[in-house]
Amino acid sequence: MGVITRYCQALDLVDDPAFITEYEAMHKKIWPEVAQHIRESGVIDMQIWRIGNRLFMIMDVNSQFSFARSEQMAADNPILTQWEEQMWKYQLPTPWTPRGQKWVPMQKIFDLNTQ
């Protein structure tokens, strides 16, 4: 299978229970084109977790994955562009997110396997 890299990222949601419910419902059955894009970009596994309106994404990717490649693939696909535009209705950058970005990488501060 090769080298697997893990990325952990954060994003906030609009702090509205109805929006959060809609967002979760959309992610229980994402559009097939979105799932295909994620897999084709080199993502082996992806999970999104939530507490309150803060999201935490875990991505395990193969050596073919890069954020730039994935973003370019999405930009070239009108269905993915539509999905991302729709997601912005629910999503907010965290207080630490640079302007124009969504998900931001988190810094790993502990790893039991290195102890």
PDB file of N, CA and C in Angstrom:
ATOM      1  N   MET A   1       0.818  -1.188   0.000  1.00  0.00           N
ATOM      2  CA  MET A   1       0.000   0.000   0.000  1.00  0.00           C
ATOM      3  C   MET A   1       0.864   1.254   0.000  1.00  0.00           C
ATOM      4  N   GLY A   2       2.098   1.191   0.433  1.00  0.00           N
ATOM      5  CA  GLY A   2       2.967   2.352   0.419  1.00  0.00           C
ATOM      6  C   GLY A   2       2.836   3.192   1.667  1.00  0.00           C
ATOM      7  N   VAL A   3       3.425   4.354   1.607  1.00  0.00           N
ATOM      8  CA  VAL A   3       3.428   5.262   2.744  1.00  0.00           C
ATOM      9  C   VAL A   3       2.067   5.936   2.880  1.00  0.00           C
ATOM     10  N   ILE A   4       1.576   5.962   4.097  1.00  0.00           N
ATOM     11  CA  ILE A   4       0.316   6.641   4.395  1.00  0.00           C
ATOM     12  C   ILE A   4       0.631   7.834   5.285  1.00  0.00           C
ATOM     13  N   THR A   5       0.096   8.976   4.925  1.00  0.00           N
ATOM     14  CA  THR A   5       0.264  10.197   5.701  1.00  0.00           C
ATOM     15  C   THR A   5      -1.089  10.579   6.286  1.00  0.00           C
ATOM     16  N   ARG A   6      -1.082  11.048   7.522  1.00  0.00           N
ATOM     17  CA  ARG A   6      -2.324  11.483   8.170  1.00  0.00           C
ATOM     18  C   ARG A   6      -2.305  13.002   8.320  1.00  0.00           C
ATOM     19  N   TYR A   7      -3.421  13.618   7.940  1.00  0.00           N
ATOM     20  CA  TYR A   7      -3.625  15.048   8.152  1.00  0.00           C
ATOM     21  C   TYR A   7      -4.839  15.218   9.055  1.00  0.00           C
ATOM     22  N   CYS A   8      -4.749  16.143   9.988  1.00  0.00           N
ATOM     23  CA  CYS A   8      -5.865  16.492  10.857  1.00  0.00           C
ATOM     24  C   CYS A   8      -6.123  17.978  10.672  1.00  0.00           C
ATOM     25  N   GLN A   9      -7.385  18.303  10.426  1.00  0.00           N
ATOM     26  CA  GLN A   9      -7.739  19.683  10.116  1.00  0.00           C
ATOM     27  C   GLN A   9      -8.980  20.094  10.896  1.00  0.00           C
ATOM     28  N   ALA A  10      -9.166  21.409  11.042  1.00  0.00           N
ATOM     29  CA  ALA A  10     -10.312  21.940  11.773  1.00  0.00           C
ATOM     30  C   ALA A  10     -11.066  22.951  10.923  1.00  0.00           C
ATOM     31  N   LEU A  11     -12.331  23.085  11.218  1.00  0.00           N
ATOM     32  CA  LEU A  11     -13.225  24.028  10.555  1.00  0.00           C
ATOM     33  C   LEU A  11     -14.399  24.260  11.497  1.00  0.00           C
ATOM     34  N   ASP A  12     -14.987  25.427  11.451  1.00  0.00           N
ATOM     35  CA  ASP A  12     -16.174  25.705  12.255  1.00  0.00           C
ATOM     36  C   ASP A  12     -17.417  25.685  11.371  1.00  0.00           C
ATOM     37  N   LEU A  13     -18.552  25.497  12.024  1.00  0.00           N
ATOM     38  CA  LEU A  13     -19.847  25.592  11.359  1.00  0.00           C
ATOM     39  C   LEU A  13     -20.580  26.811  11.888  1.00  0.00           C
ATOM     40  N   VAL A  14     -21.503  27.308  11.094  1.00  0.00           N
ATOM     41  CA  VAL A  14     -22.397  28.359  11.569  1.00  0.00           C
ATOM     42  C   VAL A  14     -23.080  27.797  12.816  1.00  0.00           C
ATOM     43  N   ASP A  15     -23.076  28.565  13.894  1.00  0.00           N
ATOM     44  CA  ASP A  15     -23.591  28.085  15.176  1.00  0.00           C
ATOM     45  C   ASP A  15     -25.115  28.205  15.208  1.00  0.00           C
ATOM     46  N   ASP A  16     -25.738  27.338  14.421  1.00  0.00           N
ATOM     47  CA  ASP A  16     -27.190  27.316  14.296  1.00  0.00           C
ATOM     48  C   ASP A  16     -27.599  25.844  14.259  1.00  0.00           C
ATOM     49  N   PRO A  17     -28.368  25.365  15.247  1.00  0.00           N
ATOM     50  CA  PRO A  17     -28.720  23.940  15.297  1.00  0.00           C
ATOM     51  C   PRO A  17     -29.354  23.406  14.013  1.00  0.00           C
ATOM     52  N   ALA A  18     -30.184  24.199  13.358  1.00  0.00           N
ATOM     53  CA  ALA A  18     -30.819  23.741  12.114  1.00  0.00           C
ATOM     54  C   ALA A  18     -29.769  23.559  11.011  1.00  0.00           C
ATOM     55  N   PHE A  19     -28.832  24.498  10.895  1.00  0.00           N
ATOM     56  CA  PHE A  19     -27.766  24.384   9.893  1.00  0.00           C
ATOM     57  C   PHE A  19     -26.880  23.180  10.181  1.00  0.00           C
ATOM     58  N   ILE A  20     -26.556  22.976  11.454  1.00  0.00           N
ATOM     59  CA  ILE A  20     -25.709  21.836  11.821  1.00  0.00           C
ATOM     60  C   ILE A  20     -26.409  20.530  11.480  1.00  0.00           C
ATOM     61  N   THR A  21     -27.703  20.446  11.750  1.00  0.00           N
ATOM     62  CA  THR A  21     -28.476  19.247  11.405  1.00  0.00           C
ATOM     63  C   THR A  21     -28.465  19.015   9.896  1.00  0.00           C
ATOM     64  N   GLU A  22     -28.669  20.068   9.108  1.00  0.00           N
ATOM     65  CA  GLU A  22     -28.627  19.948   7.640  1.00  0.00           C
ATOM     66  C   GLU A  22     -27.248  19.486   7.167  1.00  0.00           C
ATOM     67  N   TYR A  23     -26.204  20.089   7.720  1.00  0.00           N
ATOM     68  CA  TYR A  23     -24.832  19.756   7.329  1.00  0.00           C
ATOM     69  C   TYR A  23     -24.542  18.283   7.603  1.00  0.00           C
ATOM     70  N   GLU A  24     -24.924  17.824   8.784  1.00  0.00           N
ATOM     71  CA  GLU A  24     -24.708  16.414   9.118  1.00  0.00           C
ATOM     72  C   GLU A  24     -25.508  15.504   8.192  1.00  0.00           C
ATOM     73  N   ALA A  25     -26.748  15.877   7.892  1.00  0.00           N
ATOM     74  CA  ALA A  25     -27.569  15.066   6.988  1.00  0.00           C
ATOM     75  C   ALA A  25     -26.917  14.964   5.612  1.00  0.00           C
ATOM     76  N   MET A  26     -26.359  16.066   5.122  1.00  0.00           N
ATOM     77  CA  MET A  26     -25.698  16.035   3.808  1.00  0.00           C
ATOM     78  C   MET A  26     -24.472  15.134   3.820  1.00  0.00           C
ATOM     79  N   HIS A  27     -23.823  15.015   4.970  1.00  0.00           N
ATOM     80  CA  HIS A  27     -22.620  14.198   5.053  1.00  0.00           C
ATOM     81  C   HIS A  27     -22.910  12.729   5.364  1.00  0.00           C
ATOM     82  N   LYS A  28     -24.139  12.414   5.685  1.00  0.00           N
ATOM     83  CA  LYS A  28     -24.504  11.002   5.857  1.00  0.00           C
ATOM     84  C   LYS A  28     -24.597  10.300   4.502  1.00  0.00           C
ATOM     85  N   LYS A  29     -24.834  11.099   3.463  1.00  0.00           N
ATOM     86  CA  LYS A  29     -24.916  10.556   2.102  1.00  0.00           C
ATOM     87  C   LYS A  29     -24.407  11.633   1.145  1.00  0.00           C
ATOM     88  N   ILE A  30     -23.067  11.775   1.094  1.00  0.00           N
ATOM     89  CA  ILE A  30     -22.502  12.794   0.207  1.00  0.00           C
ATOM     90  C   ILE A  30     -22.756  12.418  -1.240  1.00  0.00           C
ATOM     91  N   TRP A  31     -22.698  13.418  -2.090  1.00  0.00           N
ATOM     92  CA  TRP A  31     -22.902  13.163  -3.510  1.00  0.00           C
ATOM     93  C   TRP A  31     -21.851  12.165  -3.997  1.00  0.00           C
ATOM     94  N   PRO A  32     -22.237  11.232  -4.878  1.00  0.00           N
ATOM     95  CA  PRO A  32     -21.291  10.229  -5.378  1.00  0.00           C
ATOM     96  C   PRO A  32     -20.045  10.848  -6.022  1.00  0.00           C
ATOM     97  N   GLU A  33     -20.218  11.969  -6.710  1.00  0.00           N
ATOM     98  CA  GLU A  33     -19.079  12.631  -7.358  1.00  0.00           C
ATOM     99  C   GLU A  33     -18.081  13.165  -6.325  1.00  0.00           C
ATOM    100  N   VAL A  34     -18.581  13.566  -5.164  1.00  0.00           N
ATOM    101  CA  VAL A  34     -17.706  14.059  -4.101  1.00  0.00           C
ATOM    102  C   VAL A  34     -16.888  12.903  -3.543  1.00  0.00           C
ATOM    103  N   ALA A  35     -17.549  11.779  -3.261  1.00  0.00           N
ATOM    104  CA  ALA A  35     -16.826  10.600  -2.766  1.00  0.00           C
ATOM    105  C   ALA A  35     -15.791  10.129  -3.787  1.00  0.00           C
ATOM    106  N   GLN A  36     -16.157  10.129  -5.047  1.00  0.00           N
ATOM    107  CA  GLN A  36     -15.231   9.715  -6.106  1.00  0.00           C
ATOM    108  C   GLN A  36     -14.016  10.643  -6.147  1.00  0.00           C
ATOM    109  N   HIS A  37     -14.266  11.949  -6.083  1.00  0.00           N
ATOM    110  CA  HIS A  37     -13.172  12.915  -6.096  1.00  0.00           C
ATOM    111  C   HIS A  37     -12.219  12.685  -4.921  1.00  0.00           C
ATOM    112  N   ILE A  38     -12.772  12.495  -3.737  1.00  0.00           N
ATOM    113  CA  ILE A  38     -11.949  12.289  -2.548  1.00  0.00           C
ATOM    114  C   ILE A  38     -11.043  11.081  -2.753  1.00  0.00           C
ATOM    115  N   ARG A  39     -11.624   9.986  -3.210  1.00  0.00           N
ATOM    116  CA  ARG A  39     -10.827   8.766  -3.420  1.00  0.00           C
ATOM    117  C   ARG A  39      -9.792   8.946  -4.531  1.00  0.00           C
ATOM    118  N   GLU A  40     -10.204   9.569  -5.643  1.00  0.00           N
ATOM    119  CA  GLU A  40      -9.285   9.743  -6.773  1.00  0.00           C
ATOM    120  C   GLU A  40      -8.139  10.697  -6.465  1.00  0.00           C
ATOM    121  N   SER A  41      -8.328  11.580  -5.494  1.00  0.00           N
ATOM    122  CA  SER A  41      -7.250  12.512  -5.151  1.00  0.00           C
ATOM    123  C   SER A  41      -6.191  11.864  -4.261  1.00  0.00           C
ATOM    124  N   GLY A  42      -6.442  10.625  -3.823  1.00  0.00           N
ATOM    125  CA  GLY A  42      -5.452   9.903  -3.030  1.00  0.00           C
ATOM    126  C   GLY A  42      -5.812   9.727  -1.569  1.00  0.00           C
ATOM    127  N   VAL A  43      -7.055  10.058  -1.203  1.00  0.00           N
ATOM    128  CA  VAL A  43      -7.488   9.879   0.179  1.00  0.00           C
ATOM    129  C   VAL A  43      -7.917   8.423   0.366  1.00  0.00           C
ATOM    130  N   ILE A  44      -7.312   7.781   1.348  1.00  0.00           N
ATOM    131  CA  ILE A  44      -7.613   6.379   1.661  1.00  0.00           C
ATOM    132  C   ILE A  44      -8.759   6.302   2.661  1.00  0.00           C
ATOM    133  N   ASP A  45      -8.738   7.204   3.635  1.00  0.00           N
ATOM    134  CA  ASP A  45      -9.790   7.236   4.650  1.00  0.00           C
ATOM    135  C   ASP A  45      -9.984   8.685   5.088  1.00  0.00           C
ATOM    136  N   MET A  46     -11.222   9.040   5.370  1.00  0.00           N
ATOM    137  CA  MET A  46     -11.538  10.388   5.847  1.00  0.00           C
ATOM    138  C   MET A  46     -12.676  10.272   6.840  1.00  0.00           C
ATOM    139  N   GLN A  47     -12.510  10.955   7.964  1.00  0.00           N
ATOM    140  CA  GLN A  47     -13.564  11.022   8.970  1.00  0.00           C
ATOM    141  C   GLN A  47     -13.696  12.469   9.413  1.00  0.00           C
ATOM    142  N   ILE A  48     -14.939  12.864   9.708  1.00  0.00           N
ATOM    143  CA  ILE A  48     -15.194  14.190  10.260  1.00  0.00           C
ATOM    144  C   ILE A  48     -15.917  13.995  11.585  1.00  0.00           C
ATOM    145  N   TRP A  49     -15.402  14.645  12.611  1.00  0.00           N
ATOM    146  CA  TRP A  49     -15.968  14.594  13.954  1.00  0.00           C
ATOM    147  C   TRP A  49     -16.415  16.004  14.333  1.00  0.00           C
ATOM    148  N   ARG A  50     -17.393  16.092  15.249  1.00  0.00           N
ATOM    149  CA  ARG A  50     -17.919  17.405  15.639  1.00  0.00           C
ATOM    150  C   ARG A  50     -18.125  17.486  17.146  1.00  0.00           C
ATOM    151  N   ILE A  51     -17.826  18.633  17.691  1.00  0.00           N
ATOM    152  CA  ILE A  51     -18.258  19.018  19.038  1.00  0.00           C
ATOM    153  C   ILE A  51     -18.732  20.463  18.927  1.00  0.00           C
ATOM    154  N   GLY A  52     -19.955  20.711  19.392  1.00  0.00           N
ATOM    155  CA  GLY A  52     -20.526  22.043  19.227  1.00  0.00           C
ATOM    156  C   GLY A  52     -20.545  22.398  17.753  1.00  0.00           C
ATOM    157  N   ASN A  53     -19.946  23.538  17.402  1.00  0.00           N
ATOM    158  CA  ASN A  53     -19.899  23.904  15.985  1.00  0.00           C
ATOM    159  C   ASN A  53     -18.481  23.766  15.411  1.00  0.00           C
ATOM    160  N   ARG A  54     -17.587  23.076  16.123  1.00  0.00           N
ATOM    161  CA  ARG A  54     -16.223  22.847  15.633  1.00  0.00           C
ATOM    162  C   ARG A  54     -16.120  21.446  15.026  1.00  0.00           C
ATOM    163  N   LEU A  55     -15.556  21.387  13.820  1.00  0.00           N
ATOM    164  CA  LEU A  55     -15.336  20.119  13.129  1.00  0.00           C
ATOM    165  C   LEU A  55     -13.863  19.756  13.173  1.00  0.00           C
ATOM    166  N   PHE A  56     -13.594  18.465  13.186  1.00  0.00           N
ATOM    167  CA  PHE A  56     -12.245  17.911  13.160  1.00  0.00           C
ATOM    168  C   PHE A  56     -12.219  16.828  12.086  1.00  0.00           C
ATOM    169  N   MET A  57     -11.358  16.979  11.093  1.00  0.00           N
ATOM    170  CA  MET A  57     -11.255  16.009  10.000  1.00  0.00           C
ATOM    171  C   MET A  57      -9.941  15.249  10.104  1.00  0.00           C
ATOM    172  N   ILE A  58     -10.032  13.933   9.963  1.00  0.00           N
ATOM    173  CA  ILE A  58      -8.858  13.065   9.911  1.00  0.00           C
ATOM    174  C   ILE A  58      -8.798  12.506   8.493  1.00  0.00           C
ATOM    175  N   MET A  59      -7.677  12.697   7.834  1.00  0.00           N
ATOM    176  CA  MET A  59      -7.488  12.191   6.469  1.00  0.00           C
ATOM    177  C   MET A  59      -6.238  11.333   6.426  1.00  0.00           C
ATOM    178  N   ASP A  60      -6.375  10.097   5.974  1.00  0.00           N
ATOM    179  CA  ASP A  60      -5.224   9.255   5.676  1.00  0.00           C
ATOM    180  C   ASP A  60      -5.104   9.217   4.162  1.00  0.00           C
ATOM    181  N   VAL A  61      -3.915   9.570   3.665  1.00  0.00           N
ATOM    182  CA  VAL A  61      -3.724   9.720   2.222  1.00  0.00           C
ATOM    183  C   VAL A  61      -2.535   8.903   1.753  1.00  0.00           C
ATOM    184  N   ASN A  62      -2.538   8.577   0.453  1.00  0.00           N
ATOM    185  CA  ASN A  62      -1.406   7.863  -0.126  1.00  0.00           C
ATOM    186  C   ASN A  62      -0.398   8.863  -0.699  1.00  0.00           C
ATOM    187  N   SER A  63       0.660   8.336  -1.276  1.00  0.00           N
ATOM    188  CA  SER A  63       1.752   9.195  -1.763  1.00  0.00           C
ATOM    189  C   SER A  63       1.355  10.043  -2.966  1.00  0.00           C
ATOM    190  N   GLN A  64       0.236   9.740  -3.619  1.00  0.00           N
ATOM    191  CA  GLN A  64      -0.217  10.538  -4.761  1.00  0.00           C
ATOM    192  C   GLN A  64      -0.962  11.803  -4.332  1.00  0.00           C
ATOM    193  N   PHE A  65      -1.359  11.874  -3.067  1.00  0.00           N
ATOM    194  CA  PHE A  65      -2.166  12.993  -2.602  1.00  0.00           C
ATOM    195  C   PHE A  65      -1.329  14.251  -2.417  1.00  0.00           C
ATOM    196  N   SER A  66      -1.924  15.383  -2.824  1.00  0.00           N
ATOM    197  CA  SER A  66      -1.425  16.700  -2.425  1.00  0.00           C
ATOM    198  C   SER A  66      -2.636  17.620  -2.366  1.00  0.00           C
ATOM    199  N   PHE A  67      -2.585  18.581  -1.460  1.00  0.00           N
ATOM    200  CA  PHE A  67      -3.698  19.527  -1.344  1.00  0.00           C
ATOM    201  C   PHE A  67      -3.873  20.314  -2.635  1.00  0.00           C
ATOM    202  N   ALA A  68      -2.749  20.714  -3.243  1.00  0.00           N
ATOM    203  CA  ALA A  68      -2.822  21.492  -4.489  1.00  0.00           C
ATOM    204  C   ALA A  68      -3.476  20.682  -5.594  1.00  0.00           C
ATOM    205  N   ARG A  69      -3.079  19.414  -5.735  1.00  0.00           N
ATOM    206  CA  ARG A  69      -3.668  18.540  -6.773  1.00  0.00           C
ATOM    207  C   ARG A  69      -5.161  18.346  -6.525  1.00  0.00           C
ATOM    208  N   SER A  70      -5.530  18.089  -5.286  1.00  0.00           N
ATOM    209  CA  SER A  70      -6.937  17.882  -4.946  1.00  0.00           C
ATOM    210  C   SER A  70      -7.758  19.136  -5.242  1.00  0.00           C
ATOM    211  N   GLU A  71      -7.235  20.309  -4.875  1.00  0.00           N
ATOM    212  CA  GLU A  71      -7.936  21.566  -5.142  1.00  0.00           C
ATOM    213  C   GLU A  71      -8.088  21.825  -6.632  1.00  0.00           C
ATOM    214  N   GLN A  72      -7.055  21.507  -7.413  1.00  0.00           N
ATOM    215  CA  GLN A  72      -7.132  21.696  -8.859  1.00  0.00           C
ATOM    216  C   GLN A  72      -8.155  20.754  -9.480  1.00  0.00           C
ATOM    217  N   MET A  73      -8.151  19.491  -9.017  1.00  0.00           N
ATOM    218  CA  MET A  73      -9.133  18.529  -9.516  1.00  0.00           C
ATOM    219  C   MET A  73     -10.552  19.019  -9.224  1.00  0.00           C
ATOM    220  N   ALA A  74     -10.768  19.559  -8.031  1.00  0.00           N
ATOM    221  CA  ALA A  74     -12.095  20.055  -7.649  1.00  0.00           C
ATOM    222  C   ALA A  74     -12.481  21.275  -8.475  1.00  0.00           C
ATOM    223  N   ALA A  75     -11.515  22.174  -8.684  1.00  0.00           N
ATOM    224  CA  ALA A  75     -11.790  23.398  -9.445  1.00  0.00           C
ATOM    225  C   ALA A  75     -12.177  23.097 -10.886  1.00  0.00           C
ATOM    226  N   ASP A  76     -11.672  21.989 -11.418  1.00  0.00           N
ATOM    227  CA  ASP A  76     -11.962  21.600 -12.795  1.00  0.00           C
ATOM    228  C   ASP A  76     -13.272  20.822 -12.930  1.00  0.00           C
ATOM    229  N   ASN A  77     -13.969  20.599 -11.816  1.00  0.00           N
ATOM    230  CA  ASN A  77     -15.180  19.789 -11.826  1.00  0.00           C
ATOM    231  C   ASN A  77     -16.356  20.640 -11.341  1.00  0.00           C
ATOM    232  N   PRO A  78     -17.304  20.977 -12.232  1.00  0.00           N
ATOM    233  CA  PRO A  78     -18.420  21.845 -11.840  1.00  0.00           C
ATOM    234  C   PRO A  78     -19.276  21.283 -10.702  1.00  0.00           C
ATOM    235  N   ILE A  79     -19.386  19.967 -10.603  1.00  0.00           N
ATOM    236  CA  ILE A  79     -20.184  19.376  -9.521  1.00  0.00           C
ATOM    237  C   ILE A  79     -19.492  19.593  -8.183  1.00  0.00           C
ATOM    238  N   LEU A  80     -18.161  19.446  -8.169  1.00  0.00           N
ATOM    239  CA  LEU A  80     -17.406  19.690  -6.935  1.00  0.00           C
ATOM    240  C   LEU A  80     -17.459  21.162  -6.554  1.00  0.00           C
ATOM    241  N   THR A  81     -17.404  22.039  -7.533  1.00  0.00           N
ATOM    242  CA  THR A  81     -17.516  23.479  -7.281  1.00  0.00           C
ATOM    243  C   THR A  81     -18.871  23.783  -6.654  1.00  0.00           C
ATOM    244  N   GLN A  82     -19.926  23.173  -7.173  1.00  0.00           N
ATOM    245  CA  GLN A  82     -21.265  23.365  -6.626  1.00  0.00           C
ATOM    246  C   GLN A  82     -21.342  22.865  -5.181  1.00  0.00           C
ATOM    247  N   TRP A  83     -20.769  21.679  -4.902  1.00  0.00           N
ATOM    248  CA  TRP A  83     -20.756  21.127  -3.546  1.00  0.00           C
ATOM    249  C   TRP A  83     -20.051  22.090  -2.587  1.00  0.00           C
ATOM    250  N   GLU A  84     -18.875  22.570  -2.985  1.00  0.00           N
ATOM    251  CA  GLU A  84     -18.105  23.467  -2.119  1.00  0.00           C
ATOM    252  C   GLU A  84     -18.849  24.776  -1.872  1.00  0.00           C
ATOM    253  N   GLU A  85     -19.476  25.317  -2.899  1.00  0.00           N
ATOM    254  CA  GLU A  85     -20.264  26.538  -2.719  1.00  0.00           C
ATOM    255  C   GLU A  85     -21.412  26.302  -1.744  1.00  0.00           C
ATOM    256  N   GLN A  86     -22.051  25.145  -1.853  1.00  0.00           N
ATOM    257  CA  GLN A  86     -23.150  24.823  -0.952  1.00  0.00           C
ATOM    258  C   GLN A  86     -22.639  24.651   0.482  1.00  0.00           C
ATOM    259  N   MET A  87     -21.464  24.052   0.656  1.00  0.00           N
ATOM    260  CA  MET A  87     -20.909  23.837   1.993  1.00  0.00           C
ATOM    261  C   MET A  87     -20.596  25.156   2.693  1.00  0.00           C
ATOM    262  N   TRP A  88     -20.201  26.195   1.924  1.00  0.00           N
ATOM    263  CA  TRP A  88     -19.897  27.497   2.530  1.00  0.00           C
ATOM    264  C   TRP A  88     -21.110  28.086   3.232  1.00  0.00           C
ATOM    265  N   LYS A  89     -22.307  27.641   2.876  1.00  0.00           N
ATOM    266  CA  LYS A  89     -23.525  28.093   3.558  1.00  0.00           C
ATOM    267  C   LYS A  89     -23.476  27.712   5.044  1.00  0.00           C
ATOM    268  N   TYR A  90     -22.819  26.592   5.342  1.00  0.00           N
ATOM    269  CA  TYR A  90     -22.768  26.041   6.693  1.00  0.00           C
ATOM    270  C   TYR A  90     -21.440  26.314   7.402  1.00  0.00           C
ATOM    271  N   GLN A  91     -20.379  26.492   6.634  1.00  0.00           N
ATOM    272  CA  GLN A  91     -19.032  26.522   7.191  1.00  0.00           C
ATOM    273  C   GLN A  91     -18.539  27.934   7.486  1.00  0.00           C
ATOM    274  N   LEU A  92     -17.699  28.004   8.508  1.00  0.00           N
ATOM    275  CA  LEU A  92     -17.025  29.246   8.888  1.00  0.00           C
ATOM    276  C   LEU A  92     -15.552  28.925   9.134  1.00  0.00           C
ATOM    277  N   PRO A  93     -14.664  29.819   8.792  1.00  0.00           N
ATOM    278  CA  PRO A  93     -13.266  29.592   9.148  1.00  0.00           C
ATOM    279  C   PRO A  93     -13.095  29.683  10.667  1.00  0.00           C
ATOM    280  N   THR A  94     -12.132  28.957  11.201  1.00  0.00           N
ATOM    281  CA  THR A  94     -11.827  29.102  12.623  1.00  0.00           C
ATOM    282  C   THR A  94     -11.205  30.479  12.839  1.00  0.00           C
ATOM    283  N   PRO A  95     -11.075  30.913  14.072  1.00  0.00           N
ATOM    284  CA  PRO A  95     -10.420  32.204  14.321  1.00  0.00           C
ATOM    285  C   PRO A  95      -8.964  32.242  13.848  1.00  0.00           C
ATOM    286  N   TRP A  96      -8.353  31.088  13.606  1.00  0.00           N
ATOM    287  CA  TRP A  96      -6.943  31.006  13.223  1.00  0.00           C
ATOM    288  C   TRP A  96      -6.750  30.722  11.742  1.00  0.00           C
ATOM    289  N   THR A  97      -7.820  30.731  10.973  1.00  0.00           N
ATOM    290  CA  THR A  97      -7.765  30.375   9.554  1.00  0.00           C
ATOM    291  C   THR A  97      -7.378  31.577   8.704  1.00  0.00           C
ATOM    292  N   PRO A  98      -6.370  31.413   7.836  1.00  0.00           N
ATOM    293  CA  PRO A  98      -6.030  32.506   6.916  1.00  0.00           C
ATOM    294  C   PRO A  98      -7.199  32.811   5.981  1.00  0.00           C
ATOM    295  N   ARG A  99      -7.327  34.066   5.584  1.00  0.00           N
ATOM    296  CA  ARG A  99      -8.404  34.510   4.694  1.00  0.00           C
ATOM    297  C   ARG A  99      -8.429  33.653   3.423  1.00  0.00           C
ATOM    298  N   GLY A 100      -9.634  33.254   3.029  1.00  0.00           N
ATOM    299  CA  GLY A 100      -9.817  32.505   1.798  1.00  0.00           C
ATOM    300  C   GLY A 100      -9.679  30.998   1.942  1.00  0.00           C
ATOM    301  N   GLN A 101      -9.305  30.520   3.124  1.00  0.00           N
ATOM    302  CA  GLN A 101      -9.182  29.074   3.335  1.00  0.00           C
ATOM    303  C   GLN A 101     -10.373  28.557   4.124  1.00  0.00           C
ATOM    304  N   LYS A 102     -10.539  27.242   4.065  1.00  0.00           N
ATOM    305  CA  LYS A 102     -11.577  26.576   4.852  1.00  0.00           C
ATOM    306  C   LYS A 102     -10.909  25.759   5.954  1.00  0.00           C
ATOM    307  N   TRP A 103     -10.678  24.522   5.638  1.00  0.00           N
ATOM    308  CA  TRP A 103     -10.058  23.613   6.588  1.00  0.00           C
ATOM    309  C   TRP A 103      -8.608  24.046   6.813  1.00  0.00           C
ATOM    310  N   VAL A 104      -8.179  24.044   8.066  1.00  0.00           N
ATOM    311  CA  VAL A 104      -6.788  24.383   8.376  1.00  0.00           C
ATOM    312  C   VAL A 104      -6.139  23.228   9.126  1.00  0.00           C
ATOM    313  N   PRO A 105      -4.867  22.979   8.814  1.00  0.00           N
ATOM    314  CA  PRO A 105      -4.174  21.878   9.491  1.00  0.00           C
ATOM    315  C   PRO A 105      -3.975  22.174  10.977  1.00  0.00           C
ATOM    316  N   MET A 106      -4.090  21.123  11.752  1.00  0.00           N
ATOM    317  CA  MET A 106      -3.835  21.216  13.186  1.00  0.00           C
ATOM    318  C   MET A 106      -2.417  20.724  13.442  1.00  0.00           C
ATOM    319  N   GLN A 107      -1.827  21.183  14.510  1.00  0.00           N
ATOM    320  CA  GLN A 107      -0.474  20.789  14.879  1.00  0.00           C
ATOM    321  C   GLN A 107      -0.549  19.612  15.852  1.00  0.00           C
ATOM    322  N   LYS A 108       0.161  18.522  15.520  1.00  0.00           N
ATOM    323  CA  LYS A 108       0.207  17.377  16.422  1.00  0.00           C
ATOM    324  C   LYS A 108       1.106  17.728  17.598  1.00  0.00           C
ATOM    325  N   ILE A 109       0.584  17.553  18.802  1.00  0.00           N
ATOM    326  CA  ILE A 109       1.367  17.879  19.994  1.00  0.00           C
ATOM    327  C   ILE A 109       1.677  16.661  20.847  1.00  0.00           C
ATOM    328  N   PHE A 110       1.067  15.499  20.534  1.00  0.00           N
ATOM    329  CA  PHE A 110       1.325  14.289  21.315  1.00  0.00           C
ATOM    330  C   PHE A 110       1.098  13.075  20.434  1.00  0.00           C
ATOM    331  N   ASP A 111       1.943  12.074  20.615  1.00  0.00           N
ATOM    332  CA  ASP A 111       1.827  10.799  19.910  1.00  0.00           C
ATOM    333  C   ASP A 111       2.299   9.707  20.861  1.00  0.00           C
ATOM    334  N   LEU A 112       1.391   8.880  21.326  1.00  0.00           N
ATOM    335  CA  LEU A 112       1.733   7.815  22.266  1.00  0.00           C
ATOM    336  C   LEU A 112       2.804   6.893  21.714  1.00  0.00           C
ATOM    337  N   ASN A 113       2.780   6.681  20.406  1.00  0.00           N
ATOM    338  CA  ASN A 113       3.747   5.751  19.792  1.00  0.00           C
ATOM    339  C   ASN A 113       5.176   6.272  19.806  1.00  0.00           C
ATOM    340  N   THR A 114       5.377   7.522  20.145  1.00  0.00           N
ATOM    341  CA  THR A 114       6.731   8.048  20.210  1.00  0.00           C
ATOM    342  C   THR A 114       7.227   8.139  21.655  1.00  0.00           C
ATOM    343  N   GLN A 115       6.411   7.703  22.583  1.00  0.00           N
ATOM    344  CA  GLN A 115       6.775   7.781  24.019  1.00  0.00           C
ATOM    345  C   GLN A 115       7.517   6.525  24.444  1.00  0.00           C
TER     346      GLN A 115
END
